[in-house]
Amino acid sequence: VSDTATTVSYPGDTNYTSGTATLGGGGTPTFTLGAAPTTITVPSGGSASTTVSITPQAGFSGTVAVTCAVTGTGSPVPTCALAQPSVAVSGTAAITDALTVTTVSSKSVVHMAANPSDRTWYAAGGIALAGILLFGLPGRRRNWQRMLSLLLLIVAVGVVGCGGGSSGGGGGGGSTPAGSYTVTVTATSGSVVQKSTITATVQ
């Protein structure tokens, strides 16, 4: 018995009336998951796409959630994303979704300051020295010392404000290494779960 139901119609004649009948079917409503092409080439620092297809079987109808994950021996691995995180499936026609795989480049890696605590100590020291110069000397010497203490305060505030600078040495360590990666696509609707894999080759 076919999993796909077929409807047969009879127009009727002088002996029999018209009517319809459904033949076959009887299978559990489900769907299939596939992709074309199943192998894509992703340039370093770029992206590539493939088409994911969800085809209803045995009268399946409903919303299907679609997710993806990338695995491989390199680090960092590429990222993946679907144009539609969920699709509505009904009838007999396949529903398509776009899967995009993107490599990670060193330019997208954010570098934090190497030693932000050092800057804090420099700033605190400058403020303390400014206070000593301003209040710890005899009155006749304070005029020029006040100017010096003001300058030190400005420098200290500047050091704190620049504390968010990036550290050097980024290099190419943050880029996705060349090689082959596996992208697993999972489609879920209730208790029905289907998986499909795509090979992404990073050059």
N, C-alpha and C. Protein backbone atom coordinates (compact mmCIF):
# COMPACT_ATOMS: atom_id res chain seq x y z
N VAL A 1 0.85 -1.18 0.00
CA VAL A 1 0.00 0.00 0.00
C VAL A 1 0.89 1.24 0.00
N SER A 2 0.59 2.17 -0.87
CA SER A 2 1.38 3.39 -0.97
C SER A 2 1.15 4.27 0.25
N ASP A 3 2.22 4.97 0.69
CA ASP A 3 2.09 5.92 1.79
C ASP A 3 1.42 7.21 1.36
N THR A 4 1.31 7.43 0.06
CA THR A 4 0.69 8.63 -0.47
C THR A 4 -0.73 8.31 -0.94
N ALA A 5 -1.70 9.00 -0.37
CA ALA A 5 -3.10 8.74 -0.74
C ALA A 5 -3.40 9.25 -2.14
N THR A 6 -4.23 8.50 -2.86
CA THR A 6 -4.65 8.87 -4.22
C THR A 6 -6.17 8.94 -4.26
N THR A 7 -6.69 10.02 -4.80
CA THR A 7 -8.13 10.22 -4.90
C THR A 7 -8.60 9.89 -6.31
N VAL A 8 -9.61 8.99 -6.41
CA VAL A 8 -10.17 8.58 -7.69
C VAL A 8 -11.60 9.10 -7.79
N SER A 9 -11.91 9.76 -8.91
CA SER A 9 -13.25 10.32 -9.12
C SER A 9 -13.94 9.60 -10.27
N TYR A 10 -15.27 9.36 -10.09
CA TYR A 10 -16.09 8.73 -11.15
C TYR A 10 -17.23 9.69 -11.50
N PRO A 11 -17.32 10.10 -12.76
CA PRO A 11 -18.31 11.11 -13.13
C PRO A 11 -19.75 10.61 -13.11
N GLY A 12 -19.93 9.29 -13.14
CA GLY A 12 -21.28 8.73 -13.15
C GLY A 12 -21.79 8.46 -14.56
N ASP A 13 -22.78 7.57 -14.67
CA ASP A 13 -23.42 7.28 -15.96
C ASP A 13 -24.88 6.96 -15.71
N THR A 14 -25.53 6.32 -16.70
CA THR A 14 -26.96 6.05 -16.58
C THR A 14 -27.26 4.98 -15.53
N ASN A 15 -26.25 4.18 -15.20
CA ASN A 15 -26.46 3.09 -14.23
C ASN A 15 -25.94 3.41 -12.84
N TYR A 16 -24.87 4.26 -12.75
CA TYR A 16 -24.25 4.54 -11.46
C TYR A 16 -24.12 6.05 -11.27
N THR A 17 -24.24 6.44 -10.02
CA THR A 17 -24.08 7.86 -9.71
C THR A 17 -22.58 8.21 -9.61
N SER A 18 -22.27 9.49 -9.64
CA SER A 18 -20.88 9.95 -9.52
C SER A 18 -20.40 9.79 -8.08
N GLY A 19 -19.09 9.78 -7.93
CA GLY A 19 -18.53 9.67 -6.58
C GLY A 19 -17.02 9.76 -6.60
N THR A 20 -16.41 9.82 -5.42
CA THR A 20 -14.95 9.86 -5.26
C THR A 20 -14.53 8.84 -4.20
N ALA A 21 -13.31 8.39 -4.30
CA ALA A 21 -12.77 7.44 -3.33
C ALA A 21 -11.28 7.71 -3.14
N THR A 22 -10.80 7.49 -1.92
CA THR A 22 -9.39 7.66 -1.61
C THR A 22 -8.75 6.29 -1.46
N LEU A 23 -7.73 6.05 -2.27
CA LEU A 23 -7.05 4.77 -2.28
C LEU A 23 -5.63 4.94 -1.74
N GLY A 24 -5.11 3.91 -1.13
CA GLY A 24 -3.75 3.96 -0.61
C GLY A 24 -3.68 4.80 0.64
N GLY A 25 -2.54 5.33 0.90
CA GLY A 25 -2.35 6.12 2.11
C GLY A 25 -2.28 5.21 3.32
N GLY A 26 -2.73 5.69 4.42
CA GLY A 26 -2.73 4.89 5.63
C GLY A 26 -1.43 4.96 6.40
N GLY A 27 -0.36 5.56 5.79
CA GLY A 27 0.90 5.71 6.51
C GLY A 27 0.83 6.86 7.50
N THR A 28 1.81 6.91 8.39
CA THR A 28 1.88 7.98 9.37
C THR A 28 2.32 9.27 8.69
N PRO A 29 1.58 10.36 8.89
CA PRO A 29 1.98 11.63 8.28
C PRO A 29 3.38 12.02 8.74
N THR A 30 4.24 12.35 7.80
CA THR A 30 5.61 12.70 8.11
C THR A 30 6.16 13.60 7.00
N PHE A 31 7.44 13.81 7.00
CA PHE A 31 8.06 14.60 5.94
C PHE A 31 9.50 14.12 5.76
N THR A 32 10.05 14.42 4.61
CA THR A 32 11.45 14.11 4.34
C THR A 32 12.25 15.40 4.30
N LEU A 33 13.55 15.28 4.57
CA LEU A 33 14.44 16.44 4.61
C LEU A 33 15.63 16.18 3.71
N GLY A 34 15.96 17.13 2.86
CA GLY A 34 17.09 16.98 1.97
C GLY A 34 17.71 18.33 1.65
N ALA A 35 18.84 18.31 0.95
CA ALA A 35 19.52 19.54 0.56
C ALA A 35 20.16 19.36 -0.80
N ALA A 36 20.24 20.46 -1.55
CA ALA A 36 20.89 20.43 -2.87
C ALA A 36 21.53 21.80 -3.12
N PRO A 37 22.85 21.83 -3.33
CA PRO A 37 23.78 20.70 -3.31
C PRO A 37 24.11 20.28 -1.88
N THR A 38 24.63 19.06 -1.74
CA THR A 38 25.00 18.55 -0.42
C THR A 38 26.45 18.87 -0.08
N THR A 39 27.20 19.42 -1.02
CA THR A 39 28.58 19.84 -0.79
C THR A 39 28.74 21.27 -1.29
N ILE A 40 29.25 22.15 -0.44
CA ILE A 40 29.47 23.54 -0.82
C ILE A 40 30.91 23.94 -0.48
N THR A 41 31.42 24.91 -1.22
CA THR A 41 32.76 25.43 -1.00
C THR A 41 32.64 26.85 -0.43
N VAL A 42 33.26 27.07 0.72
CA VAL A 42 33.17 28.36 1.40
C VAL A 42 34.54 29.03 1.37
N PRO A 43 34.66 30.21 0.77
CA PRO A 43 35.95 30.90 0.76
C PRO A 43 36.31 31.44 2.14
N SER A 44 37.59 31.56 2.42
CA SER A 44 38.02 32.11 3.70
C SER A 44 37.53 33.54 3.84
N GLY A 45 36.87 33.82 4.94
CA GLY A 45 36.32 35.15 5.17
C GLY A 45 35.04 35.41 4.40
N GLY A 46 34.44 34.38 3.80
CA GLY A 46 33.21 34.55 3.00
C GLY A 46 32.14 33.56 3.41
N SER A 47 31.15 33.37 2.54
CA SER A 47 30.03 32.48 2.84
C SER A 47 29.56 31.78 1.57
N ALA A 48 28.77 30.73 1.76
CA ALA A 48 28.17 29.99 0.65
C ALA A 48 26.84 29.43 1.12
N SER A 49 25.93 29.18 0.17
CA SER A 49 24.58 28.75 0.53
C SER A 49 24.18 27.48 -0.21
N THR A 50 23.20 26.80 0.37
CA THR A 50 22.58 25.65 -0.26
C THR A 50 21.09 25.68 0.06
N THR A 51 20.31 24.88 -0.66
CA THR A 51 18.85 24.89 -0.48
C THR A 51 18.40 23.65 0.28
N VAL A 52 17.65 23.86 1.34
CA VAL A 52 17.10 22.77 2.14
C VAL A 52 15.64 22.57 1.74
N SER A 53 15.23 21.32 1.52
CA SER A 53 13.87 21.02 1.09
C SER A 53 13.17 20.12 2.11
N ILE A 54 11.94 20.48 2.44
CA ILE A 54 11.10 19.69 3.34
C ILE A 54 9.87 19.26 2.54
N THR A 55 9.71 17.94 2.35
CA THR A 55 8.63 17.42 1.51
C THR A 55 7.64 16.62 2.36
N PRO A 56 6.36 17.01 2.38
CA PRO A 56 5.37 16.28 3.18
C PRO A 56 5.08 14.90 2.59
N GLN A 57 4.80 13.94 3.47
CA GLN A 57 4.45 12.59 3.08
C GLN A 57 3.20 12.15 3.84
N ALA A 58 2.34 11.37 3.16
CA ALA A 58 1.14 10.79 3.78
C ALA A 58 0.25 11.85 4.40
N GLY A 59 0.13 12.99 3.71
CA GLY A 59 -0.79 14.02 4.17
C GLY A 59 -0.29 14.86 5.33
N PHE A 60 1.00 14.91 5.53
CA PHE A 60 1.53 15.71 6.64
C PHE A 60 1.20 17.19 6.45
N SER A 61 0.89 17.85 7.57
CA SER A 61 0.62 19.29 7.55
C SER A 61 0.98 19.86 8.91
N GLY A 62 1.75 20.94 8.92
CA GLY A 62 2.12 21.55 10.18
C GLY A 62 3.33 22.45 10.04
N THR A 63 3.75 23.01 11.17
CA THR A 63 4.92 23.89 11.21
C THR A 63 6.15 23.07 11.56
N VAL A 64 7.19 23.26 10.80
CA VAL A 64 8.44 22.52 11.01
C VAL A 64 9.54 23.52 11.40
N ALA A 65 10.17 23.28 12.56
CA ALA A 65 11.28 24.11 13.00
C ALA A 65 12.57 23.55 12.41
N VAL A 66 13.43 24.45 11.91
CA VAL A 66 14.66 24.02 11.24
C VAL A 66 15.85 24.68 11.94
N THR A 67 16.83 23.87 12.34
CA THR A 67 18.05 24.37 12.98
C THR A 67 19.26 23.75 12.30
N CYS A 68 20.45 24.29 12.61
CA CYS A 68 21.67 23.76 12.02
C CYS A 68 22.81 23.87 13.02
N ALA A 69 23.82 23.02 12.82
CA ALA A 69 25.02 23.04 13.67
C ALA A 69 26.21 22.59 12.84
N VAL A 70 27.38 23.17 13.12
CA VAL A 70 28.60 22.86 12.36
C VAL A 70 29.60 22.17 13.27
N THR A 71 30.20 21.10 12.78
CA THR A 71 31.25 20.40 13.51
C THR A 71 32.45 20.20 12.60
N GLY A 72 33.63 20.08 13.21
CA GLY A 72 34.85 19.88 12.45
C GLY A 72 36.05 19.94 13.36
N THR A 73 37.21 19.62 12.84
CA THR A 73 38.41 19.57 13.65
C THR A 73 39.07 20.94 13.79
N GLY A 74 38.78 21.88 12.90
CA GLY A 74 39.37 23.21 12.99
C GLY A 74 38.69 24.07 14.03
N SER A 75 39.33 25.15 14.41
CA SER A 75 38.75 26.08 15.37
C SER A 75 39.25 27.49 15.06
N PRO A 76 38.32 28.47 14.97
CA PRO A 76 36.89 28.33 15.16
C PRO A 76 36.20 27.73 13.93
N VAL A 77 35.12 26.97 14.18
CA VAL A 77 34.38 26.37 13.08
C VAL A 77 33.53 27.45 12.39
N PRO A 78 33.10 27.22 11.15
CA PRO A 78 32.20 28.18 10.50
C PRO A 78 30.88 28.28 11.26
N THR A 79 30.13 29.31 10.98
CA THR A 79 28.80 29.46 11.54
C THR A 79 27.77 29.15 10.45
N CYS A 80 26.56 28.80 10.87
CA CYS A 80 25.50 28.50 9.91
C CYS A 80 24.21 29.20 10.34
N ALA A 81 23.36 29.48 9.36
CA ALA A 81 22.09 30.15 9.65
C ALA A 81 21.09 29.79 8.55
N LEU A 82 19.82 29.72 8.93
CA LEU A 82 18.74 29.45 7.99
C LEU A 82 17.94 30.72 7.77
N ALA A 83 17.51 30.94 6.55
CA ALA A 83 16.73 32.14 6.24
C ALA A 83 15.43 32.16 7.03
N GLN A 84 14.82 30.97 7.21
CA GLN A 84 13.58 30.85 7.96
C GLN A 84 13.78 29.79 9.06
N PRO A 85 13.69 30.18 10.32
CA PRO A 85 13.86 29.20 11.39
C PRO A 85 12.71 28.20 11.49
N SER A 86 11.59 28.51 10.85
CA SER A 86 10.47 27.57 10.81
C SER A 86 9.69 27.79 9.52
N VAL A 87 9.09 26.71 8.99
CA VAL A 87 8.31 26.79 7.76
C VAL A 87 6.99 26.07 7.94
N ALA A 88 5.97 26.53 7.22
CA ALA A 88 4.65 25.90 7.25
C ALA A 88 4.55 24.93 6.08
N VAL A 89 4.26 23.67 6.38
CA VAL A 89 4.20 22.62 5.36
C VAL A 89 2.78 22.10 5.25
N SER A 90 2.29 21.96 4.02
CA SER A 90 0.96 21.40 3.78
C SER A 90 0.89 20.94 2.33
N GLY A 91 -0.13 20.14 2.02
CA GLY A 91 -0.30 19.67 0.66
C GLY A 91 0.73 18.61 0.31
N THR A 92 1.24 18.68 -0.92
CA THR A 92 2.22 17.69 -1.38
C THR A 92 3.51 18.31 -1.88
N ALA A 93 3.54 19.63 -2.03
CA ALA A 93 4.72 20.30 -2.58
C ALA A 93 5.79 20.49 -1.51
N ALA A 94 7.04 20.42 -1.94
CA ALA A 94 8.17 20.64 -1.04
C ALA A 94 8.29 22.12 -0.69
N ILE A 95 8.68 22.39 0.55
CA ILE A 95 8.94 23.74 1.00
C ILE A 95 10.45 23.90 1.13
N THR A 96 10.99 24.99 0.59
CA THR A 96 12.44 25.18 0.60
C THR A 96 12.86 26.27 1.58
N ASP A 97 14.08 26.15 2.05
CA ASP A 97 14.69 27.14 2.95
C ASP A 97 16.15 27.29 2.53
N ALA A 98 16.73 28.45 2.80
CA ALA A 98 18.12 28.72 2.42
C ALA A 98 19.03 28.57 3.63
N LEU A 99 20.07 27.74 3.49
CA LEU A 99 21.07 27.55 4.52
C LEU A 99 22.36 28.23 4.10
N THR A 100 22.88 29.13 4.94
CA THR A 100 24.12 29.85 4.64
C THR A 100 25.19 29.49 5.66
N VAL A 101 26.37 29.14 5.16
CA VAL A 101 27.52 28.83 6.01
C VAL A 101 28.55 29.93 5.83
N THR A 102 29.03 30.49 6.93
CA THR A 102 29.96 31.62 6.90
C THR A 102 31.21 31.30 7.71
N THR A 103 32.37 31.58 7.14
CA THR A 103 33.61 31.36 7.86
C THR A 103 33.91 32.53 8.78
N VAL A 104 34.71 32.27 9.79
CA VAL A 104 35.12 33.31 10.75
C VAL A 104 36.49 33.83 10.34
N SER A 105 36.62 35.14 10.19
CA SER A 105 37.90 35.74 9.83
C SER A 105 38.51 36.42 11.03
N SER A 106 39.82 36.63 10.99
CA SER A 106 40.52 37.26 12.11
C SER A 106 40.03 38.68 12.36
N LYS A 107 39.53 39.35 11.33
CA LYS A 107 39.07 40.72 11.48
C LYS A 107 37.82 40.81 12.34
N SER A 108 37.07 39.69 12.46
CA SER A 108 35.84 39.72 13.24
C SER A 108 36.07 39.36 14.69
N VAL A 109 37.30 39.00 15.06
CA VAL A 109 37.61 38.63 16.44
C VAL A 109 37.90 39.89 17.24
N VAL A 110 37.21 40.07 18.34
CA VAL A 110 37.38 41.25 19.17
C VAL A 110 38.44 40.97 20.23
N HIS A 111 39.45 41.84 20.30
CA HIS A 111 40.53 41.69 21.27
C HIS A 111 40.32 42.67 22.42
N MET A 112 40.38 42.13 23.63
CA MET A 112 40.24 42.97 24.81
C MET A 112 41.61 43.53 25.22
N ALA A 113 41.61 44.54 26.10
CA ALA A 113 42.86 45.13 26.58
C ALA A 113 43.66 44.07 27.33
N ALA A 114 45.00 44.10 27.14
CA ALA A 114 45.84 43.06 27.72
C ALA A 114 45.91 43.18 29.24
N ASN A 115 46.15 44.38 29.76
CA ASN A 115 46.29 44.57 31.20
C ASN A 115 45.53 45.81 31.65
N PRO A 116 44.20 45.77 31.69
CA PRO A 116 43.43 46.96 32.09
C PRO A 116 43.71 47.36 33.52
N SER A 117 44.12 46.40 34.40
CA SER A 117 44.37 46.76 35.79
C SER A 117 45.58 47.66 35.92
N ASP A 118 46.58 47.49 35.01
CA ASP A 118 47.76 48.35 35.06
C ASP A 118 47.39 49.80 34.84
N ARG A 119 46.46 50.03 33.90
CA ARG A 119 46.04 51.40 33.62
C ARG A 119 45.37 52.02 34.84
N THR A 120 44.61 51.19 35.58
CA THR A 120 43.93 51.70 36.78
C THR A 120 44.95 52.14 37.83
N TRP A 121 46.01 51.34 37.99
CA TRP A 121 47.04 51.70 38.96
C TRP A 121 47.76 52.97 38.54
N TYR A 122 48.05 53.12 37.26
CA TYR A 122 48.71 54.34 36.78
C TYR A 122 47.83 55.57 37.08
N ALA A 123 46.54 55.42 36.81
CA ALA A 123 45.63 56.54 37.04
C ALA A 123 45.56 56.90 38.52
N ALA A 124 45.45 55.85 39.39
CA ALA A 124 45.36 56.10 40.83
C ALA A 124 46.63 56.77 41.34
N GLY A 125 47.78 56.34 40.82
CA GLY A 125 49.04 56.94 41.25
C GLY A 125 49.13 58.40 40.86
N GLY A 126 48.67 58.71 39.64
CA GLY A 126 48.70 60.09 39.18
C GLY A 126 47.82 60.98 40.01
N ILE A 127 46.64 60.49 40.38
CA ILE A 127 45.73 61.29 41.21
C ILE A 127 46.32 61.51 42.60
N ALA A 128 46.93 60.46 43.17
CA ALA A 128 47.53 60.61 44.50
C ALA A 128 48.66 61.62 44.49
N LEU A 129 49.53 61.57 43.47
CA LEU A 129 50.64 62.51 43.38
C LEU A 129 50.14 63.94 43.20
N ALA A 130 49.05 64.06 42.42
CA ALA A 130 48.48 65.40 42.23
C ALA A 130 47.97 65.95 43.56
N GLY A 131 47.38 65.09 44.39
CA GLY A 131 46.89 65.54 45.70
C GLY A 131 48.01 65.98 46.62
N ILE A 132 49.12 65.23 46.61
CA ILE A 132 50.27 65.60 47.44
C ILE A 132 50.83 66.96 47.03
N LEU A 133 50.99 67.16 45.72
CA LEU A 133 51.54 68.42 45.22
C LEU A 133 50.63 69.60 45.53
N LEU A 134 49.32 69.32 45.53
CA LEU A 134 48.36 70.42 45.71
C LEU A 134 48.24 70.82 47.17
N PHE A 135 48.23 69.82 48.09
CA PHE A 135 47.93 70.14 49.49
C PHE A 135 49.11 69.92 50.45
N GLY A 136 50.18 69.32 49.98
CA GLY A 136 51.27 68.97 50.91
C GLY A 136 52.43 69.92 50.89
N LEU A 137 52.35 71.01 50.22
CA LEU A 137 53.47 71.95 50.14
C LEU A 137 53.09 73.30 50.76
N PRO A 138 54.09 74.08 51.18
CA PRO A 138 53.80 75.42 51.74
C PRO A 138 53.06 76.29 50.73
N GLY A 139 52.33 77.28 51.28
CA GLY A 139 51.49 78.11 50.44
C GLY A 139 52.22 78.86 49.36
N ARG A 140 53.46 79.33 49.62
CA ARG A 140 54.17 80.13 48.63
C ARG A 140 54.60 79.31 47.41
N ARG A 141 54.59 77.99 47.55
CA ARG A 141 55.00 77.16 46.42
C ARG A 141 53.81 76.57 45.65
N ARG A 142 52.62 76.85 46.11
CA ARG A 142 51.46 76.17 45.55
C ARG A 142 51.06 76.67 44.17
N ASN A 143 51.41 77.87 43.78
CA ASN A 143 50.93 78.38 42.51
C ASN A 143 51.35 77.51 41.33
N TRP A 144 52.65 77.27 41.21
CA TRP A 144 53.07 76.44 40.08
C TRP A 144 52.77 74.97 40.31
N GLN A 145 52.72 74.57 41.61
CA GLN A 145 52.40 73.17 41.88
C GLN A 145 50.95 72.86 41.53
N ARG A 146 50.07 73.84 41.65
CA ARG A 146 48.68 73.63 41.27
C ARG A 146 48.55 73.36 39.78
N MET A 147 49.35 74.06 39.00
CA MET A 147 49.32 73.83 37.56
C MET A 147 49.82 72.43 37.22
N LEU A 148 50.88 72.00 37.94
CA LEU A 148 51.41 70.66 37.69
C LEU A 148 50.42 69.58 38.12
N SER A 149 49.76 69.80 39.26
CA SER A 149 48.79 68.80 39.73
C SER A 149 47.60 68.71 38.78
N LEU A 150 47.19 69.85 38.21
CA LEU A 150 46.08 69.84 37.25
C LEU A 150 46.47 69.03 36.02
N LEU A 151 47.73 69.20 35.57
CA LEU A 151 48.20 68.46 34.42
C LEU A 151 48.20 66.96 34.70
N LEU A 152 48.64 66.57 35.91
CA LEU A 152 48.65 65.15 36.28
C LEU A 152 47.24 64.57 36.33
N LEU A 153 46.31 65.34 36.81
CA LEU A 153 44.91 64.89 36.85
C LEU A 153 44.39 64.62 35.43
N ILE A 154 44.71 65.53 34.52
CA ILE A 154 44.26 65.36 33.13
C ILE A 154 44.86 64.09 32.53
N VAL A 155 46.14 63.86 32.79
CA VAL A 155 46.80 62.66 32.27
C VAL A 155 46.17 61.41 32.86
N ALA A 156 45.88 61.42 34.16
CA ALA A 156 45.30 60.25 34.82
C ALA A 156 43.94 59.91 34.24
N VAL A 157 43.11 60.93 34.04
CA VAL A 157 41.77 60.71 33.44
C VAL A 157 41.91 60.16 32.03
N GLY A 158 42.90 60.67 31.29
CA GLY A 158 43.12 60.17 29.93
C GLY A 158 43.50 58.72 29.90
N VAL A 159 44.33 58.28 30.87
CA VAL A 159 44.73 56.87 30.94
C VAL A 159 43.52 55.98 31.15
N VAL A 160 42.62 56.37 32.06
CA VAL A 160 41.41 55.59 32.31
C VAL A 160 40.53 55.54 31.07
N GLY A 161 40.39 56.68 30.39
CA GLY A 161 39.53 56.72 29.21
C GLY A 161 40.03 55.87 28.08
N CYS A 162 41.34 55.65 28.00
CA CYS A 162 41.91 54.84 26.93
C CYS A 162 42.03 53.38 27.31
N GLY A 163 41.44 52.99 28.42
CA GLY A 163 41.60 51.62 28.89
C GLY A 163 40.98 50.58 28.01
N GLY A 164 40.13 50.95 27.05
CA GLY A 164 39.46 49.96 26.20
C GLY A 164 40.22 49.63 24.96
N GLY A 165 41.48 50.04 24.84
CA GLY A 165 42.25 49.76 23.63
C GLY A 165 42.43 48.27 23.41
N SER A 166 42.68 47.85 22.17
CA SER A 166 42.83 46.44 21.85
C SER A 166 44.28 46.03 21.98
N SER A 167 44.44 44.74 22.27
CA SER A 167 45.79 44.21 22.35
C SER A 167 46.27 43.83 20.98
N GLY A 168 47.57 43.81 20.79
CA GLY A 168 48.13 43.49 19.49
C GLY A 168 48.27 42.00 19.31
N GLY A 169 48.87 41.62 18.19
CA GLY A 169 49.16 40.23 17.94
C GLY A 169 47.98 39.42 17.50
N GLY A 170 46.97 40.02 16.83
CA GLY A 170 45.78 39.27 16.40
C GLY A 170 46.15 38.19 15.41
N GLY A 171 46.93 38.55 14.39
CA GLY A 171 47.39 37.57 13.42
C GLY A 171 46.24 36.86 12.75
N GLY A 172 46.50 35.66 12.23
CA GLY A 172 45.48 34.88 11.56
C GLY A 172 44.89 33.79 12.43
N GLY A 173 45.24 33.79 13.77
CA GLY A 173 44.77 32.74 14.65
C GLY A 173 43.28 32.71 14.81
N GLY A 174 42.58 33.82 14.50
CA GLY A 174 41.15 33.85 14.69
C GLY A 174 40.37 33.43 13.47
N SER A 175 41.00 32.99 12.40
CA SER A 175 40.31 32.63 11.18
C SER A 175 39.99 31.14 11.15
N THR A 176 38.90 30.79 10.47
CA THR A 176 38.54 29.38 10.31
C THR A 176 39.59 28.68 9.44
N PRO A 177 40.20 27.62 9.93
CA PRO A 177 41.21 26.91 9.13
C PRO A 177 40.58 26.24 7.92
N ALA A 178 41.37 26.10 6.87
CA ALA A 178 40.89 25.38 5.68
C ALA A 178 40.66 23.91 6.04
N GLY A 179 39.68 23.30 5.37
CA GLY A 179 39.38 21.90 5.65
C GLY A 179 37.92 21.60 5.41
N SER A 180 37.50 20.41 5.82
CA SER A 180 36.14 19.95 5.61
C SER A 180 35.35 19.99 6.92
N TYR A 181 34.15 20.54 6.87
CA TYR A 181 33.29 20.65 8.03
C TYR A 181 31.91 20.05 7.71
N THR A 182 31.27 19.50 8.73
CA THR A 182 29.95 18.88 8.55
C THR A 182 28.87 19.79 9.13
N VAL A 183 27.88 20.10 8.31
CA VAL A 183 26.74 20.91 8.76
C VAL A 183 25.54 19.97 8.90
N THR A 184 25.03 19.85 10.11
CA THR A 184 23.87 19.00 10.36
C THR A 184 22.62 19.85 10.47
N VAL A 185 21.66 19.58 9.60
CA VAL A 185 20.39 20.30 9.61
C VAL A 185 19.34 19.40 10.26
N THR A 186 18.59 19.94 11.21
CA THR A 186 17.56 19.19 11.91
C THR A 186 16.22 19.86 11.72
N ALA A 187 15.23 19.08 11.28
CA ALA A 187 13.86 19.58 11.10
C ALA A 187 12.96 18.85 12.09
N THR A 188 12.19 19.61 12.88
CA THR A 188 11.39 19.03 13.94
C THR A 188 9.96 19.55 13.89
N SER A 189 9.01 18.63 14.02
CA SER A 189 7.60 18.99 14.15
C SER A 189 6.94 17.96 15.05
N GLY A 190 6.68 18.34 16.29
CA GLY A 190 6.13 17.38 17.23
C GLY A 190 7.11 16.25 17.50
N SER A 191 6.65 15.02 17.28
CA SER A 191 7.50 13.85 17.50
C SER A 191 8.30 13.47 16.25
N VAL A 192 8.07 14.17 15.16
CA VAL A 192 8.76 13.86 13.91
C VAL A 192 10.05 14.66 13.84
N VAL A 193 11.18 13.98 13.74
CA VAL A 193 12.49 14.62 13.66
C VAL A 193 13.26 14.02 12.49
N GLN A 194 13.71 14.86 11.59
CA GLN A 194 14.51 14.42 10.44
C GLN A 194 15.83 15.19 10.43
N LYS A 195 16.90 14.51 10.00
CA LYS A 195 18.21 15.14 9.94
C LYS A 195 18.81 14.94 8.55
N SER A 196 19.62 15.90 8.15
CA SER A 196 20.34 15.82 6.89
C SER A 196 21.69 16.51 7.08
N THR A 197 22.72 16.04 6.36
CA THR A 197 24.05 16.62 6.51
C THR A 197 24.55 17.22 5.19
N ILE A 198 25.31 18.29 5.33
CA ILE A 198 25.94 18.97 4.20
C ILE A 198 27.42 19.08 4.51
N THR A 199 28.26 18.90 3.53
CA THR A 199 29.70 19.06 3.69
C THR A 199 30.11 20.43 3.22
N ALA A 200 30.75 21.19 4.11
CA ALA A 200 31.25 22.52 3.77
C ALA A 200 32.77 22.47 3.73
N THR A 201 33.33 22.75 2.55
CA THR A 201 34.77 22.76 2.38
C THR A 201 35.28 24.19 2.40
N VAL A 202 36.10 24.51 3.40
CA VAL A 202 36.65 25.86 3.54
C VAL A 202 38.00 25.92 2.83
N GLN A 203 38.16 26.91 1.96
CA GLN A 203 39.41 27.07 1.22
C GLN A 203 40.18 28.28 1.71
